[in-house]
């Protein structure tokens, strides 16, 4: 998935980020606002891992993104 697409739909994707990295706060996600480098930095900070590891995790997570992340659930 293209990062521009993730960034452009950040409010929808933020929940997926919190699911993956539960130690990130809502304030962290507001500050990051879809910026990939800032997100990697927050992951690094919250989890006490090397920058390279944070970027590796972010790359893997980004590859799991699909169109379902950006579509609203159908009304019951």
C-alpha atoms as a PDB file:
ATOM      1  CA  UNK A   1       0.000   0.000   0.000  1.00  0.00           C
ATOM      2  CA  UNK A   2       1.248   3.451  -0.878  1.00  0.00           C
ATOM      3  CA  UNK A   3       2.068   5.558   2.208  1.00  0.00           C
ATOM      4  CA  UNK A   4       0.386   8.604   0.649  1.00  0.00           C
ATOM      5  CA  UNK A   5      -2.885   6.673   0.758  1.00  0.00           C
ATOM      6  CA  UNK A   6      -2.340   5.812   4.427  1.00  0.00           C
ATOM      7  CA  UNK A   7      -1.455   9.390   5.288  1.00  0.00           C
ATOM      8  CA  UNK A   8      -4.441  10.769   3.401  1.00  0.00           C
ATOM      9  CA  UNK A   9      -6.779   8.512   5.364  1.00  0.00           C
ATOM     10  CA  UNK A  10      -4.994   8.831   8.688  1.00  0.00           C
ATOM     11  CA  UNK A  11      -8.121   9.121  10.844  1.00  0.00           C
ATOM     12  CA  UNK A  12      -9.382   5.800   9.477  1.00  0.00           C
ATOM     13  CA  UNK A  13      -5.988   4.115   9.789  1.00  0.00           C
ATOM     14  CA  UNK A  14      -5.100   5.387  13.270  1.00  0.00           C
ATOM     15  CA  UNK A  15      -7.111   2.581  14.878  1.00  0.00           C
ATOM     16  CA  UNK A  16      -5.083   0.019  12.953  1.00  0.00           C
ATOM     17  CA  UNK A  17      -1.913   1.679  14.222  1.00  0.00           C
ATOM     18  CA  UNK A  18      -3.139   1.454  17.823  1.00  0.00           C
ATOM     19  CA  UNK A  19      -4.021  -2.193  17.311  1.00  0.00           C
ATOM     20  CA  UNK A  20      -0.494  -2.913  16.086  1.00  0.00           C
ATOM     21  CA  UNK A  21       1.367  -0.675  18.563  1.00  0.00           C
ATOM     22  CA  UNK A  22      -0.835  -0.430  21.644  1.00  0.00           C
ATOM     23  CA  UNK A  23       1.668   1.642  23.611  1.00  0.00           C
ATOM     24  CA  UNK A  24       1.107   4.599  21.289  1.00  0.00           C
ATOM     25  CA  UNK A  25      -1.330   7.123  22.712  1.00  0.00           C
ATOM     26  CA  UNK A  26      -4.043   9.089  20.959  1.00  0.00           C
ATOM     27  CA  UNK A  27      -1.852  12.161  21.465  1.00  0.00           C
ATOM     28  CA  UNK A  28       1.034  10.359  19.731  1.00  0.00           C
ATOM     29  CA  UNK A  29      -1.197   9.602  16.774  1.00  0.00           C
ATOM     30  CA  UNK A  30      -2.441  13.181  16.632  1.00  0.00           C
ATOM     31  CA  UNK A  31       1.141  14.462  16.610  1.00  0.00           C
ATOM     32  CA  UNK A  32       2.236  11.960  13.959  1.00  0.00           C
ATOM     33  CA  UNK A  33      -0.755  12.840  11.753  1.00  0.00           C
ATOM     34  CA  UNK A  34       0.220  10.237   9.170  1.00  0.00           C
ATOM     35  CA  UNK A  35       3.868  11.228   8.775  1.00  0.00           C
ATOM     36  CA  UNK A  36       5.802   7.991   8.388  1.00  0.00           C
ATOM     37  CA  UNK A  37       9.126   9.179   9.828  1.00  0.00           C
ATOM     38  CA  UNK A  38       7.419  10.635  12.891  1.00  0.00           C
ATOM     39  CA  UNK A  39       5.493   7.392  13.387  1.00  0.00           C
ATOM     40  CA  UNK A  40       8.720   5.385  13.227  1.00  0.00           C
ATOM     41  CA  UNK A  41      10.192   7.740  15.824  1.00  0.00           C
ATOM     42  CA  UNK A  42       7.226   7.300  18.155  1.00  0.00           C
ATOM     43  CA  UNK A  43       7.404   3.512  17.803  1.00  0.00           C
ATOM     44  CA  UNK A  44      11.118   3.664  18.583  1.00  0.00           C
ATOM     45  CA  UNK A  45      10.505   5.890  21.615  1.00  0.00           C
ATOM     46  CA  UNK A  46       7.582   3.956  23.110  1.00  0.00           C
ATOM     47  CA  UNK A  47       9.062   0.497  22.604  1.00  0.00           C
ATOM     48  CA  UNK A  48      12.726   1.328  23.269  1.00  0.00           C
ATOM     49  CA  UNK A  49      13.897  -0.236  20.019  1.00  0.00           C
ATOM     50  CA  UNK A  50      16.435   0.801  17.413  1.00  0.00           C
ATOM     51  CA  UNK A  51      15.302   3.073  14.594  1.00  0.00           C
ATOM     52  CA  UNK A  52      16.016   0.324  12.063  1.00  0.00           C
ATOM     53  CA  UNK A  53      13.750  -2.096  13.938  1.00  0.00           C
ATOM     54  CA  UNK A  54      10.954   0.476  14.130  1.00  0.00           C
ATOM     55  CA  UNK A  55      11.213   1.076  10.371  1.00  0.00           C
ATOM     56  CA  UNK A  56      11.255  -2.689   9.738  1.00  0.00           C
ATOM     57  CA  UNK A  57       8.070  -3.138  11.782  1.00  0.00           C
ATOM     58  CA  UNK A  58       6.451  -0.209  10.014  1.00  0.00           C
ATOM     59  CA  UNK A  59       7.353  -1.635   6.595  1.00  0.00           C
ATOM     60  CA  UNK A  60       5.834  -5.000   7.508  1.00  0.00           C
ATOM     61  CA  UNK A  61       2.681  -3.339   8.848  1.00  0.00           C
ATOM     62  CA  UNK A  62       2.345  -1.153   5.747  1.00  0.00           C
ATOM     63  CA  UNK A  63       2.454  -4.248   3.534  1.00  0.00           C
ATOM     64  CA  UNK A  64      -0.590  -5.648   5.349  1.00  0.00           C
ATOM     65  CA  UNK A  65      -2.688  -2.610   4.413  1.00  0.00           C
ATOM     66  CA  UNK A  66      -5.529  -3.241   1.997  1.00  0.00           C
ATOM     67  CA  UNK A  67      -8.546  -1.411   0.639  1.00  0.00           C
ATOM     68  CA  UNK A  68     -10.763  -2.713   3.448  1.00  0.00           C
ATOM     69  CA  UNK A  69      -8.930  -0.301   5.782  1.00  0.00           C
ATOM     70  CA  UNK A  70     -10.370   2.628   3.842  1.00  0.00           C
ATOM     71  CA  UNK A  71     -13.952   1.566   3.305  1.00  0.00           C
ATOM     72  CA  UNK A  72     -16.688   2.088   5.824  1.00  0.00           C
ATOM     73  CA  UNK A  73     -18.440  -0.957   7.168  1.00  0.00           C
ATOM     74  CA  UNK A  74     -21.862  -1.459   5.566  1.00  0.00           C
ATOM     75  CA  UNK A  75     -24.832  -0.374   7.630  1.00  0.00           C
ATOM     76  CA  UNK A  76     -26.728  -3.252   9.281  1.00  0.00           C
END
